[in-house]
Amino acid sequence: GTGAGMGTLLIRKIREEFPDRMMATFSVLPSPKVSDTVVEPYNATLSVHQLVENSDATFCIDNEALYDICMRTLKLSNPSYGDLNHLVSAVMSGVTPCLRFPGQLNSDLRKLAVNMV
């Protein structure tokens, strides 16, 4: 698979091509409850350095927390990747309305990053 290498290479190349642009990433951290792929924790660990170096804002989303939300809050007995992806899309949608709609507060990614500190 592409693992940590493909995504981080892409982020680094985008940063090289557009150094003056702000970049935000939404990264899902692995969990043994969701997947049994042995290399997922290694890929996540290896990619963190590139995210810190090349991204201006990184939103880390815990797959195990997503799974628990599906089980406990949404009362799903066997959450699928589609269910988890729906929650991730809700998080992304909730973080980015200031970038998608007109308004005064956090009207661009730079202001959003500054106000998060």
PDB file of N, CA and C in Angstrom:
ATOM      1  N   GLY A   1       0.815  -1.189   0.000  1.00  0.00           N
ATOM      2  CA  GLY A   1       0.000   0.000   0.000  1.00  0.00           C
ATOM      3  C   GLY A   1       0.860   1.254   0.000  1.00  0.00           C
ATOM      4  N   THR A   2       0.194   2.367   0.041  1.00  0.00           N
ATOM      5  CA  THR A   2       0.914   3.642   0.026  1.00  0.00           C
ATOM      6  C   THR A   2       1.352   4.048   1.420  1.00  0.00           C
ATOM      7  N   GLY A   3       0.660   3.606   2.458  1.00  0.00           N
ATOM      8  CA  GLY A   3       1.073   3.884   3.823  1.00  0.00           C
ATOM      9  C   GLY A   3       1.291   5.355   4.106  1.00  0.00           C
ATOM     10  N   ALA A   4       2.276   5.627   4.935  1.00  0.00           N
ATOM     11  CA  ALA A   4       2.574   7.003   5.335  1.00  0.00           C
ATOM     12  C   ALA A   4       3.336   7.746   4.253  1.00  0.00           C
ATOM     13  N   GLY A   5       3.967   7.022   3.340  1.00  0.00           N
ATOM     14  CA  GLY A   5       4.839   7.658   2.358  1.00  0.00           C
ATOM     15  C   GLY A   5       4.135   8.487   1.308  1.00  0.00           C
ATOM     16  N   MET A   6       3.054   7.998   0.750  1.00  0.00           N
ATOM     17  CA  MET A   6       2.394   8.696  -0.355  1.00  0.00           C
ATOM     18  C   MET A   6       1.767  10.017   0.093  1.00  0.00           C
ATOM     19  N   GLY A   7       1.010   9.984   1.166  1.00  0.00           N
ATOM     20  CA  GLY A   7       0.356  11.201   1.644  1.00  0.00           C
ATOM     21  C   GLY A   7       1.342  12.266   2.076  1.00  0.00           C
ATOM     22  N   THR A   8       2.384  11.849   2.798  1.00  0.00           N
ATOM     23  CA  THR A   8       3.368  12.826   3.262  1.00  0.00           C
ATOM     24  C   THR A   8       4.201  13.368   2.112  1.00  0.00           C
ATOM     25  N   LEU A   9       4.480  12.539   1.114  1.00  0.00           N
ATOM     26  CA  LEU A   9       5.194  13.021  -0.073  1.00  0.00           C
ATOM     27  C   LEU A   9       4.352  14.063  -0.800  1.00  0.00           C
ATOM     28  N   LEU A  10       3.068  13.800  -0.928  1.00  0.00           N
ATOM     29  CA  LEU A  10       2.165  14.743  -1.584  1.00  0.00           C
ATOM     30  C   LEU A  10       2.104  16.071  -0.820  1.00  0.00           C
ATOM     31  N   ILE A  11       2.005  16.003   0.492  1.00  0.00           N
ATOM     32  CA  ILE A  11       1.975  17.225   1.304  1.00  0.00           C
ATOM     33  C   ILE A  11       3.268  18.010   1.145  1.00  0.00           C
ATOM     34  N   ARG A  12       4.399  17.306   1.146  1.00  0.00           N
ATOM     35  CA  ARG A  12       5.689  17.987   1.001  1.00  0.00           C
ATOM     36  C   ARG A  12       5.815  18.651  -0.361  1.00  0.00           C
ATOM     37  N   LYS A  13       5.367  17.970  -1.423  1.00  0.00           N
ATOM     38  CA  LYS A  13       5.437  18.543  -2.775  1.00  0.00           C
ATOM     39  C   LYS A  13       4.515  19.757  -2.911  1.00  0.00           C
ATOM     40  N   ILE A  14       3.332  19.687  -2.329  1.00  0.00           N
ATOM     41  CA  ILE A  14       2.417  20.835  -2.358  1.00  0.00           C
ATOM     42  C   ILE A  14       3.046  22.014  -1.625  1.00  0.00           C
ATOM     43  N   ARG A  15       3.677  21.747  -0.476  1.00  0.00           N
ATOM     44  CA  ARG A  15       4.341  22.813   0.283  1.00  0.00           C
ATOM     45  C   ARG A  15       5.474  23.440  -0.536  1.00  0.00           C
ATOM     46  N   GLU A  16       6.227  22.627  -1.279  1.00  0.00           N
ATOM     47  CA  GLU A  16       7.313  23.152  -2.115  1.00  0.00           C
ATOM     48  C   GLU A  16       6.775  24.015  -3.250  1.00  0.00           C
ATOM     49  N   GLU A  17       5.678  23.594  -3.864  1.00  0.00           N
ATOM     50  CA  GLU A  17       5.101  24.331  -4.989  1.00  0.00           C
ATOM     51  C   GLU A  17       4.385  25.606  -4.551  1.00  0.00           C
ATOM     52  N   PHE A  18       3.764  25.562  -3.391  1.00  0.00           N
ATOM     53  CA  PHE A  18       2.973  26.695  -2.905  1.00  0.00           C
ATOM     54  C   PHE A  18       3.390  27.052  -1.471  1.00  0.00           C
ATOM     55  N   PRO A  19       4.600  27.564  -1.274  1.00  0.00           N
ATOM     56  CA  PRO A  19       5.087  27.822   0.091  1.00  0.00           C
ATOM     57  C   PRO A  19       4.336  28.934   0.819  1.00  0.00           C
ATOM     58  N   ASP A  20       3.681  29.817   0.082  1.00  0.00           N
ATOM     59  CA  ASP A  20       2.985  30.939   0.711  1.00  0.00           C
ATOM     60  C   ASP A  20       1.534  30.619   1.064  1.00  0.00           C
ATOM     61  N   ARG A  21       1.069  29.425   0.761  1.00  0.00           N
ATOM     62  CA  ARG A  21      -0.322  29.034   1.036  1.00  0.00           C
ATOM     63  C   ARG A  21      -0.421  28.274   2.352  1.00  0.00           C
ATOM     64  N   MET A  22      -1.521  28.483   3.045  1.00  0.00           N
ATOM     65  CA  MET A  22      -1.782  27.742   4.282  1.00  0.00           C
ATOM     66  C   MET A  22      -2.316  26.355   3.924  1.00  0.00           C
ATOM     67  N   MET A  23      -1.928  25.367   4.713  1.00  0.00           N
ATOM     68  CA  MET A  23      -2.382  24.005   4.460  1.00  0.00           C
ATOM     69  C   MET A  23      -2.917  23.395   5.755  1.00  0.00           C
ATOM     70  N   ALA A  24      -4.080  22.798   5.651  1.00  0.00           N
ATOM     71  CA  ALA A  24      -4.677  22.093   6.783  1.00  0.00           C
ATOM     72  C   ALA A  24      -4.885  20.640   6.390  1.00  0.00           C
ATOM     73  N   THR A  25      -4.686  19.744   7.345  1.00  0.00           N
ATOM     74  CA  THR A  25      -4.911  18.325   7.097  1.00  0.00           C
ATOM     75  C   THR A  25      -5.863  17.772   8.151  1.00  0.00           C
ATOM     76  N   PHE A  26      -6.637  16.801   7.752  1.00  0.00           N
ATOM     77  CA  PHE A  26      -7.478  16.041   8.663  1.00  0.00           C
ATOM     78  C   PHE A  26      -6.944  14.620   8.635  1.00  0.00           C
ATOM     79  N   SER A  27      -6.337  14.186   9.717  1.00  0.00           N
ATOM     80  CA  SER A  27      -5.663  12.892   9.764  1.00  0.00           C
ATOM     81  C   SER A  27      -6.381  11.970  10.735  1.00  0.00           C
ATOM     82  N   VAL A  28      -6.690  10.768  10.277  1.00  0.00           N
ATOM     83  CA  VAL A  28      -7.366   9.776  11.108  1.00  0.00           C
ATOM     84  C   VAL A  28      -6.316   8.831  11.676  1.00  0.00           C
ATOM     85  N   LEU A  29      -6.263   8.744  13.006  1.00  0.00           N
ATOM     86  CA  LEU A  29      -5.309   7.875  13.678  1.00  0.00           C
ATOM     87  C   LEU A  29      -5.913   6.483  13.824  1.00  0.00           C
ATOM     88  N   PRO A  30      -5.119   5.440  13.622  1.00  0.00           N
ATOM     89  CA  PRO A  30      -5.648   4.070  13.592  1.00  0.00           C
ATOM     90  C   PRO A  30      -6.060   3.543  14.967  1.00  0.00           C
ATOM     91  N   SER A  31      -6.855   2.476  14.914  1.00  0.00           N
ATOM     92  CA  SER A  31      -7.310   1.806  16.123  1.00  0.00           C
ATOM     93  C   SER A  31      -7.463   0.313  15.844  1.00  0.00           C
ATOM     94  N   PRO A  32      -7.052  -0.542  16.782  1.00  0.00           N
ATOM     95  CA  PRO A  32      -7.248  -1.985  16.588  1.00  0.00           C
ATOM     96  C   PRO A  32      -8.719  -2.394  16.606  1.00  0.00           C
ATOM     97  N   LYS A  33      -9.604  -1.545  17.156  1.00  0.00           N
ATOM     98  CA  LYS A  33     -11.037  -1.856  17.152  1.00  0.00           C
ATOM     99  C   LYS A  33     -11.625  -1.782  15.748  1.00  0.00           C
ATOM    100  N   VAL A  34     -11.014  -0.959  14.900  1.00  0.00           N
ATOM    101  CA  VAL A  34     -11.579  -0.707  13.581  1.00  0.00           C
ATOM    102  C   VAL A  34     -10.900  -1.547  12.513  1.00  0.00           C
ATOM    103  N   SER A  35      -9.600  -1.732  12.616  1.00  0.00           N
ATOM    104  CA  SER A  35      -8.863  -2.468  11.590  1.00  0.00           C
ATOM    105  C   SER A  35      -7.821  -3.356  12.249  1.00  0.00           C
ATOM    106  N   ASP A  36      -7.523  -4.459  11.593  1.00  0.00           N
ATOM    107  CA  ASP A  36      -6.495  -5.357  12.119  1.00  0.00           C
ATOM    108  C   ASP A  36      -5.211  -5.307  11.290  1.00  0.00           C
ATOM    109  N   THR A  37      -5.041  -4.267  10.486  1.00  0.00           N
ATOM    110  CA  THR A  37      -3.834  -4.120   9.683  1.00  0.00           C
ATOM    111  C   THR A  37      -2.667  -3.796  10.609  1.00  0.00           C
ATOM    112  N   VAL A  38      -1.637  -4.617  10.548  1.00  0.00           N
ATOM    113  CA  VAL A  38      -0.520  -4.529  11.482  1.00  0.00           C
ATOM    114  C   VAL A  38       0.288  -3.249  11.317  1.00  0.00           C
ATOM    115  N   VAL A  39       0.416  -2.745  10.095  1.00  0.00           N
ATOM    116  CA  VAL A  39       1.313  -1.614   9.844  1.00  0.00           C
ATOM    117  C   VAL A  39       0.669  -0.243  10.061  1.00  0.00           C
ATOM    118  N   GLU A  40      -0.620  -0.184  10.343  1.00  0.00           N
ATOM    119  CA  GLU A  40      -1.286   1.114  10.519  1.00  0.00           C
ATOM    120  C   GLU A  40      -0.634   1.991  11.590  1.00  0.00           C
ATOM    121  N   PRO A  41      -0.326   1.467  12.781  1.00  0.00           N
ATOM    122  CA  PRO A  41       0.321   2.338  13.783  1.00  0.00           C
ATOM    123  C   PRO A  41       1.685   2.855  13.325  1.00  0.00           C
ATOM    124  N   TYR A  42       2.430   2.038  12.603  1.00  0.00           N
ATOM    125  CA  TYR A  42       3.738   2.470  12.101  1.00  0.00           C
ATOM    126  C   TYR A  42       3.576   3.583  11.070  1.00  0.00           C
ATOM    127  N   ASN A  43       2.632   3.414  10.160  1.00  0.00           N
ATOM    128  CA  ASN A  43       2.392   4.447   9.144  1.00  0.00           C
ATOM    129  C   ASN A  43       1.985   5.768   9.792  1.00  0.00           C
ATOM    130  N   ALA A  44       1.117   5.700  10.789  1.00  0.00           N
ATOM    131  CA  ALA A  44       0.675   6.920  11.473  1.00  0.00           C
ATOM    132  C   ALA A  44       1.843   7.589  12.191  1.00  0.00           C
ATOM    133  N   THR A  45       2.654   6.790  12.868  1.00  0.00           N
ATOM    134  CA  THR A  45       3.807   7.335  13.591  1.00  0.00           C
ATOM    135  C   THR A  45       4.796   7.989  12.644  1.00  0.00           C
ATOM    136  N   LEU A  46       5.065   7.341  11.525  1.00  0.00           N
ATOM    137  CA  LEU A  46       6.030   7.882  10.564  1.00  0.00           C
ATOM    138  C   LEU A  46       5.513   9.136   9.868  1.00  0.00           C
ATOM    139  N   SER A  47       4.216   9.275   9.752  1.00  0.00           N
ATOM    140  CA  SER A  47       3.674  10.432   9.034  1.00  0.00           C
ATOM    141  C   SER A  47       3.552  11.683   9.899  1.00  0.00           C
ATOM    142  N   VAL A  48       3.547  11.537  11.219  1.00  0.00           N
ATOM    143  CA  VAL A  48       3.345  12.685  12.104  1.00  0.00           C
ATOM    144  C   VAL A  48       4.414  13.751  11.893  1.00  0.00           C
ATOM    145  N   HIS A  49       5.656  13.353  11.728  1.00  0.00           N
ATOM    146  CA  HIS A  49       6.745  14.321  11.533  1.00  0.00           C
ATOM    147  C   HIS A  49       6.486  15.190  10.305  1.00  0.00           C
ATOM    148  N   GLN A  50       6.093  14.588   9.195  1.00  0.00           N
ATOM    149  CA  GLN A  50       5.832  15.350   7.973  1.00  0.00           C
ATOM    150  C   GLN A  50       4.627  16.267   8.140  1.00  0.00           C
ATOM    151  N   LEU A  51       3.620  15.822   8.871  1.00  0.00           N
ATOM    152  CA  LEU A  51       2.452  16.674   9.118  1.00  0.00           C
ATOM    153  C   LEU A  51       2.848  17.907   9.920  1.00  0.00           C
ATOM    154  N   VAL A  52       3.665  17.710  10.942  1.00  0.00           N
ATOM    155  CA  VAL A  52       4.109  18.834  11.769  1.00  0.00           C
ATOM    156  C   VAL A  52       4.964  19.799  10.957  1.00  0.00           C
ATOM    157  N   GLU A  53       5.833  19.267  10.117  1.00  0.00           N
ATOM    158  CA  GLU A  53       6.749  20.102   9.339  1.00  0.00           C
ATOM    159  C   GLU A  53       6.064  20.845   8.193  1.00  0.00           C
ATOM    160  N   ASN A  54       5.100  20.227   7.533  1.00  0.00           N
ATOM    161  CA  ASN A  54       4.583  20.766   6.276  1.00  0.00           C
ATOM    162  C   ASN A  54       3.139  21.236   6.308  1.00  0.00           C
ATOM    163  N   SER A  55       2.453  21.069   7.411  1.00  0.00           N
ATOM    164  CA  SER A  55       1.063  21.499   7.499  1.00  0.00           C
ATOM    165  C   SER A  55       0.943  22.609   8.534  1.00  0.00           C
ATOM    166  N   ASP A  56       0.098  23.584   8.253  1.00  0.00           N
ATOM    167  CA  ASP A  56      -0.093  24.690   9.186  1.00  0.00           C
ATOM    168  C   ASP A  56      -1.118  24.359  10.266  1.00  0.00           C
ATOM    169  N   ALA A  57      -2.060  23.513   9.946  1.00  0.00           N
ATOM    170  CA  ALA A  57      -3.064  23.070  10.919  1.00  0.00           C
ATOM    171  C   ALA A  57      -3.354  21.600  10.652  1.00  0.00           C
ATOM    172  N   THR A  58      -3.180  20.779  11.665  1.00  0.00           N
ATOM    173  CA  THR A  58      -3.461  19.358  11.537  1.00  0.00           C
ATOM    174  C   THR A  58      -4.537  18.981  12.543  1.00  0.00           C
ATOM    175  N   PHE A  59      -5.625  18.458  12.047  1.00  0.00           N
ATOM    176  CA  PHE A  59      -6.721  18.004  12.890  1.00  0.00           C
ATOM    177  C   PHE A  59      -6.629  16.484  12.967  1.00  0.00           C
ATOM    178  N   CYS A  60      -6.256  15.968  14.130  1.00  0.00           N
ATOM    179  CA  CYS A  60      -6.122  14.522  14.316  1.00  0.00           C
ATOM    180  C   CYS A  60      -7.436  13.965  14.844  1.00  0.00           C
ATOM    181  N   ILE A  61      -7.906  12.934  14.185  1.00  0.00           N
ATOM    182  CA  ILE A  61      -9.177  12.306  14.537  1.00  0.00           C
ATOM    183  C   ILE A  61      -8.879  10.863  14.924  1.00  0.00           C
ATOM    184  N   ASP A  62      -9.307  10.468  16.103  1.00  0.00           N
ATOM    185  CA  ASP A  62      -9.029   9.142  16.636  1.00  0.00           C
ATOM    186  C   ASP A  62     -10.087   8.151  16.156  1.00  0.00           C
ATOM    187  N   ASN A  63      -9.644   7.134  15.433  1.00  0.00           N
ATOM    188  CA  ASN A  63     -10.570   6.137  14.896  1.00  0.00           C
ATOM    189  C   ASN A  63     -11.305   5.394  16.014  1.00  0.00           C
ATOM    190  N   GLU A  64     -10.617   5.159  17.120  1.00  0.00           N
ATOM    191  CA  GLU A  64     -11.257   4.459  18.231  1.00  0.00           C
ATOM    192  C   GLU A  64     -12.361   5.315  18.851  1.00  0.00           C
ATOM    193  N   ALA A  65     -12.128   6.623  18.944  1.00  0.00           N
ATOM    194  CA  ALA A  65     -13.165   7.526  19.460  1.00  0.00           C
ATOM    195  C   ALA A  65     -14.363   7.555  18.512  1.00  0.00           C
ATOM    196  N   LEU A  66     -14.096   7.564  17.206  1.00  0.00           N
ATOM    197  CA  LEU A  66     -15.191   7.511  16.231  1.00  0.00           C
ATOM    198  C   LEU A  66     -16.006   6.233  16.412  1.00  0.00           C
ATOM    199  N   TYR A  67     -15.303   5.127  16.578  1.00  0.00           N
ATOM    200  CA  TYR A  67     -15.954   3.834  16.772  1.00  0.00           C
ATOM    201  C   TYR A  67     -16.823   3.859  18.032  1.00  0.00           C
ATOM    202  N   ASP A  68     -16.274   4.406  19.121  1.00  0.00           N
ATOM    203  CA  ASP A  68     -17.031   4.482  20.376  1.00  0.00           C
ATOM    204  C   ASP A  68     -18.254   5.384  20.244  1.00  0.00           C
ATOM    205  N   ILE A  69     -18.129   6.481  19.512  1.00  0.00           N
ATOM    206  CA  ILE A  69     -19.280   7.366  19.276  1.00  0.00           C
ATOM    207  C   ILE A  69     -20.369   6.614  18.521  1.00  0.00           C
ATOM    208  N   CYS A  70     -19.966   5.850  17.517  1.00  0.00           N
ATOM    209  CA  CYS A  70     -20.951   5.064  16.758  1.00  0.00           C
ATOM    210  C   CYS A  70     -21.639   4.033  17.645  1.00  0.00           C
ATOM    211  N   MET A  71     -20.869   3.384  18.517  1.00  0.00           N
ATOM    212  CA  MET A  71     -21.429   2.343  19.377  1.00  0.00           C
ATOM    213  C   MET A  71     -22.312   2.935  20.483  1.00  0.00           C
ATOM    214  N   ARG A  72     -21.791   3.919  21.208  1.00  0.00           N
ATOM    215  CA  ARG A  72     -22.474   4.417  22.406  1.00  0.00           C
ATOM    216  C   ARG A  72     -23.521   5.481  22.113  1.00  0.00           C
ATOM    217  N   THR A  73     -23.176   6.437  21.262  1.00  0.00           N
ATOM    218  CA  THR A  73     -24.088   7.556  21.024  1.00  0.00           C
ATOM    219  C   THR A  73     -25.093   7.240  19.926  1.00  0.00           C
ATOM    220  N   LEU A  74     -24.587   6.693  18.815  1.00  0.00           N
ATOM    221  CA  LEU A  74     -25.469   6.398  17.686  1.00  0.00           C
ATOM    222  C   LEU A  74     -26.115   5.025  17.784  1.00  0.00           C
ATOM    223  N   LYS A  75     -25.697   4.240  18.775  1.00  0.00           N
ATOM    224  CA  LYS A  75     -26.266   2.906  19.039  1.00  0.00           C
ATOM    225  C   LYS A  75     -26.173   1.966  17.835  1.00  0.00           C
ATOM    226  N   LEU A  76     -25.039   2.010  17.127  1.00  0.00           N
ATOM    227  CA  LEU A  76     -24.812   1.094  16.016  1.00  0.00           C
ATOM    228  C   LEU A  76     -24.093  -0.135  16.551  1.00  0.00           C
ATOM    229  N   SER A  77     -24.617  -1.319  16.267  1.00  0.00           N
ATOM    230  CA  SER A  77     -24.018  -2.536  16.819  1.00  0.00           C
ATOM    231  C   SER A  77     -22.717  -2.915  16.120  1.00  0.00           C
ATOM    232  N   ASN A  78     -22.614  -2.629  14.832  1.00  0.00           N
ATOM    233  CA  ASN A  78     -21.401  -2.956  14.079  1.00  0.00           C
ATOM    234  C   ASN A  78     -21.099  -1.815  13.108  1.00  0.00           C
ATOM    235  N   PRO A  79     -20.443  -0.749  13.568  1.00  0.00           N
ATOM    236  CA  PRO A  79     -20.185   0.409  12.707  1.00  0.00           C
ATOM    237  C   PRO A  79     -19.321   0.047  11.500  1.00  0.00           C
ATOM    238  N   SER A  80     -19.692   0.573  10.350  1.00  0.00           N
ATOM    239  CA  SER A  80     -18.924   0.339   9.122  1.00  0.00           C
ATOM    240  C   SER A  80     -18.011   1.532   8.859  1.00  0.00           C
ATOM    241  N   TYR A  81     -17.138   1.380   7.867  1.00  0.00           N
ATOM    242  CA  TYR A  81     -16.291   2.505   7.475  1.00  0.00           C
ATOM    243  C   TYR A  81     -17.147   3.678   6.999  1.00  0.00           C
ATOM    244  N   GLY A  82     -18.272   3.386   6.386  1.00  0.00           N
ATOM    245  CA  GLY A  82     -19.179   4.446   5.954  1.00  0.00           C
ATOM    246  C   GLY A  82     -19.691   5.267   7.127  1.00  0.00           C
ATOM    247  N   ASP A  83     -20.010   4.590   8.238  1.00  0.00           N
ATOM    248  CA  ASP A  83     -20.462   5.291   9.444  1.00  0.00           C
ATOM    249  C   ASP A  83     -19.352   6.179  10.008  1.00  0.00           C
ATOM    250  N   LEU A  84     -18.137   5.639  10.063  1.00  0.00           N
ATOM    251  CA  LEU A  84     -17.000   6.412  10.573  1.00  0.00           C
ATOM    252  C   LEU A  84     -16.697   7.585   9.652  1.00  0.00           C
ATOM    253  N   ASN A  85     -16.744   7.349   8.348  1.00  0.00           N
ATOM    254  CA  ASN A  85     -16.485   8.424   7.386  1.00  0.00           C
ATOM    255  C   ASN A  85     -17.535   9.527   7.485  1.00  0.00           C
ATOM    256  N   HIS A  86     -18.771   9.147   7.788  1.00  0.00           N
ATOM    257  CA  HIS A  86     -19.823  10.152   7.959  1.00  0.00           C
ATOM    258  C   HIS A  86     -19.496  11.071   9.139  1.00  0.00           C
ATOM    259  N   LEU A  87     -19.000  10.501  10.233  1.00  0.00           N
ATOM    260  CA  LEU A  87     -18.605  11.321  11.380  1.00  0.00           C
ATOM    261  C   LEU A  87     -17.430  12.231  11.036  1.00  0.00           C
ATOM    262  N   VAL A  88     -16.455  11.707  10.290  1.00  0.00           N
ATOM    263  CA  VAL A  88     -15.306  12.523   9.877  1.00  0.00           C
ATOM    264  C   VAL A  88     -15.781  13.682   9.009  1.00  0.00           C
ATOM    265  N   SER A  89     -16.706  13.411   8.096  1.00  0.00           N
ATOM    266  CA  SER A  89     -17.209  14.488   7.237  1.00  0.00           C
ATOM    267  C   SER A  89     -17.965  15.536   8.055  1.00  0.00           C
ATOM    268  N   ALA A  90     -18.649  15.109   9.113  1.00  0.00           N
ATOM    269  CA  ALA A  90     -19.337  16.067   9.985  1.00  0.00           C
ATOM    270  C   ALA A  90     -18.329  16.946  10.725  1.00  0.00           C
ATOM    271  N   VAL A  91     -17.221  16.355  11.166  1.00  0.00           N
ATOM    272  CA  VAL A  91     -16.166  17.130  11.830  1.00  0.00           C
ATOM    273  C   VAL A  91     -15.573  18.141  10.862  1.00  0.00           C
ATOM    274  N   MET A  92     -15.243  17.689   9.661  1.00  0.00           N
ATOM    275  CA  MET A  92     -14.657  18.588   8.662  1.00  0.00           C
ATOM    276  C   MET A  92     -15.627  19.711   8.310  1.00  0.00           C
ATOM    277  N   SER A  93     -16.878  19.369   8.178  1.00  0.00           N
ATOM    278  CA  SER A  93     -17.898  20.363   7.860  1.00  0.00           C
ATOM    279  C   SER A  93     -18.073  21.361   9.001  1.00  0.00           C
ATOM    280  N   GLY A  94     -17.952  20.889  10.231  1.00  0.00           N
ATOM    281  CA  GLY A  94     -18.093  21.771  11.379  1.00  0.00           C
ATOM    282  C   GLY A  94     -16.914  22.700  11.588  1.00  0.00           C
ATOM    283  N   VAL A  95     -15.735  22.291  11.143  1.00  0.00           N
ATOM    284  CA  VAL A  95     -14.532  23.111  11.313  1.00  0.00           C
ATOM    285  C   VAL A  95     -14.409  24.162  10.218  1.00  0.00           C
ATOM    286  N   THR A  96     -14.908  23.875   9.035  1.00  0.00           N
ATOM    287  CA  THR A  96     -14.632  24.728   7.873  1.00  0.00           C
ATOM    288  C   THR A  96     -15.740  25.675   7.405  1.00  0.00           C
ATOM    289  N   PRO A  97     -16.843  25.883   8.117  1.00  0.00           N
ATOM    290  CA  PRO A  97     -17.859  26.797   7.560  1.00  0.00           C
ATOM    291  C   PRO A  97     -17.347  28.220   7.383  1.00  0.00           C
ATOM    292  N   CYS A  98     -16.425  28.639   8.250  1.00  0.00           N
ATOM    293  CA  CYS A  98     -15.879  29.996   8.128  1.00  0.00           C
ATOM    294  C   CYS A  98     -15.064  30.155   6.848  1.00  0.00           C
ATOM    295  N   LEU A  99     -14.598  29.062   6.282  1.00  0.00           N
ATOM    296  CA  LEU A  99     -13.856  29.112   5.024  1.00  0.00           C
ATOM    297  C   LEU A  99     -14.790  29.032   3.821  1.00  0.00           C
ATOM    298  N   ARG A 100     -15.985  28.475   4.038  1.00  0.00           N
ATOM    299  CA  ARG A 100     -16.910  28.257   2.935  1.00  0.00           C
ATOM    300  C   ARG A 100     -17.998  29.310   2.817  1.00  0.00           C
ATOM    301  N   PHE A 101     -18.281  30.002   3.917  1.00  0.00           N
ATOM    302  CA  PHE A 101     -19.362  30.980   3.924  1.00  0.00           C
ATOM    303  C   PHE A 101     -18.835  32.341   4.363  1.00  0.00           C
ATOM    304  N   PRO A 102     -19.455  33.428   3.903  1.00  0.00           N
ATOM    305  CA  PRO A 102     -18.975  34.759   4.300  1.00  0.00           C
ATOM    306  C   PRO A 102     -19.222  35.037   5.784  1.00  0.00           C
ATOM    307  N   GLY A 103     -18.309  35.789   6.374  1.00  0.00           N
ATOM    308  CA  GLY A 103     -18.442  36.166   7.772  1.00  0.00           C
ATOM    309  C   GLY A 103     -17.209  36.898   8.248  1.00  0.00           C
ATOM    310  N   GLN A 104     -17.276  37.453   9.427  1.00  0.00           N
ATOM    311  CA  GLN A 104     -16.172  38.232   9.975  1.00  0.00           C
ATOM    312  C   GLN A 104     -15.156  37.375  10.717  1.00  0.00           C
ATOM    313  N   LEU A 105     -15.628  36.439  11.531  1.00  0.00           N
ATOM    314  CA  LEU A 105     -14.741  35.661  12.377  1.00  0.00           C
ATOM    315  C   LEU A 105     -14.101  34.516  11.598  1.00  0.00           C
ATOM    316  N   ASN A 106     -12.784  34.390  11.696  1.00  0.00           N
ATOM    317  CA  ASN A 106     -12.048  33.287  11.067  1.00  0.00           C
ATOM    318  C   ASN A 106     -12.370  33.152   9.586  1.00  0.00           C
ATOM    319  N   SER A 107     -12.289  34.232   8.844  1.00  0.00           N
ATOM    320  CA  SER A 107     -12.700  34.204   7.446  1.00  0.00           C
ATOM    321  C   SER A 107     -11.694  33.536   6.516  1.00  0.00           C
ATOM    322  N   ASP A 108     -10.516  33.197   7.001  1.00  0.00           N
ATOM    323  CA  ASP A 108      -9.572  32.427   6.197  1.00  0.00           C
ATOM    324  C   ASP A 108      -8.803  31.472   7.107  1.00  0.00           C
ATOM    325  N   LEU A 109      -8.027  30.593   6.496  1.00  0.00           N
ATOM    326  CA  LEU A 109      -7.332  29.561   7.255  1.00  0.00           C
ATOM    327  C   LEU A 109      -6.306  30.154   8.215  1.00  0.00           C
ATOM    328  N   ARG A 110      -5.667  31.244   7.835  1.00  0.00           N
ATOM    329  CA  ARG A 110      -4.673  31.879   8.707  1.00  0.00           C
ATOM    330  C   ARG A 110      -5.341  32.392   9.989  1.00  0.00           C
ATOM    331  N   LYS A 111      -6.480  33.073   9.858  1.00  0.00           N
ATOM    332  CA  LYS A 111      -7.195  33.571  11.036  1.00  0.00           C
ATOM    333  C   LYS A 111      -7.717  32.419  11.889  1.00  0.00           C
ATOM    334  N   LEU A 112      -8.179  31.365  11.242  1.00  0.00           N
ATOM    335  CA  LEU A 112      -8.648  30.194  11.972  1.00  0.00           C
ATOM    336  C   LEU A 112      -7.514  29.606  12.803  1.00  0.00           C
ATOM    337  N   ALA A 113      -6.335  29.459  12.211  1.00  0.00           N
ATOM    338  CA  ALA A 113      -5.185  28.898  12.923  1.00  0.00           C
ATOM    339  C   ALA A 113      -4.756  29.797  14.079  1.00  0.00           C
ATOM    340  N   VAL A 114      -4.763  31.104  13.879  1.00  0.00           N
ATOM    341  CA  VAL A 114      -4.365  32.038  14.937  1.00  0.00           C
ATOM    342  C   VAL A 114      -5.349  31.982  16.100  1.00  0.00           C
ATOM    343  N   ASN A 115      -6.627  31.924  15.815  1.00  0.00           N
ATOM    344  CA  ASN A 115      -7.637  31.916  16.871  1.00  0.00           C
ATOM    345  C   ASN A 115      -7.742  30.580  17.598  1.00  0.00           C
ATOM    346  N   MET A 116      -7.155  29.534  17.059  1.00  0.00           N
ATOM    347  CA  MET A 116      -7.175  28.234  17.728  1.00  0.00           C
ATOM    348  C   MET A 116      -6.121  28.147  18.823  1.00  0.00           C
ATOM    349  N   VAL A 117      -5.128  29.010  18.787  1.00  0.00           N
ATOM    350  CA  VAL A 117      -4.025  28.934  19.753  1.00  0.00           C
ATOM    351  C   VAL A 117      -4.461  29.422  21.107  1.00  0.00           C
TER     352      VAL A 117
END
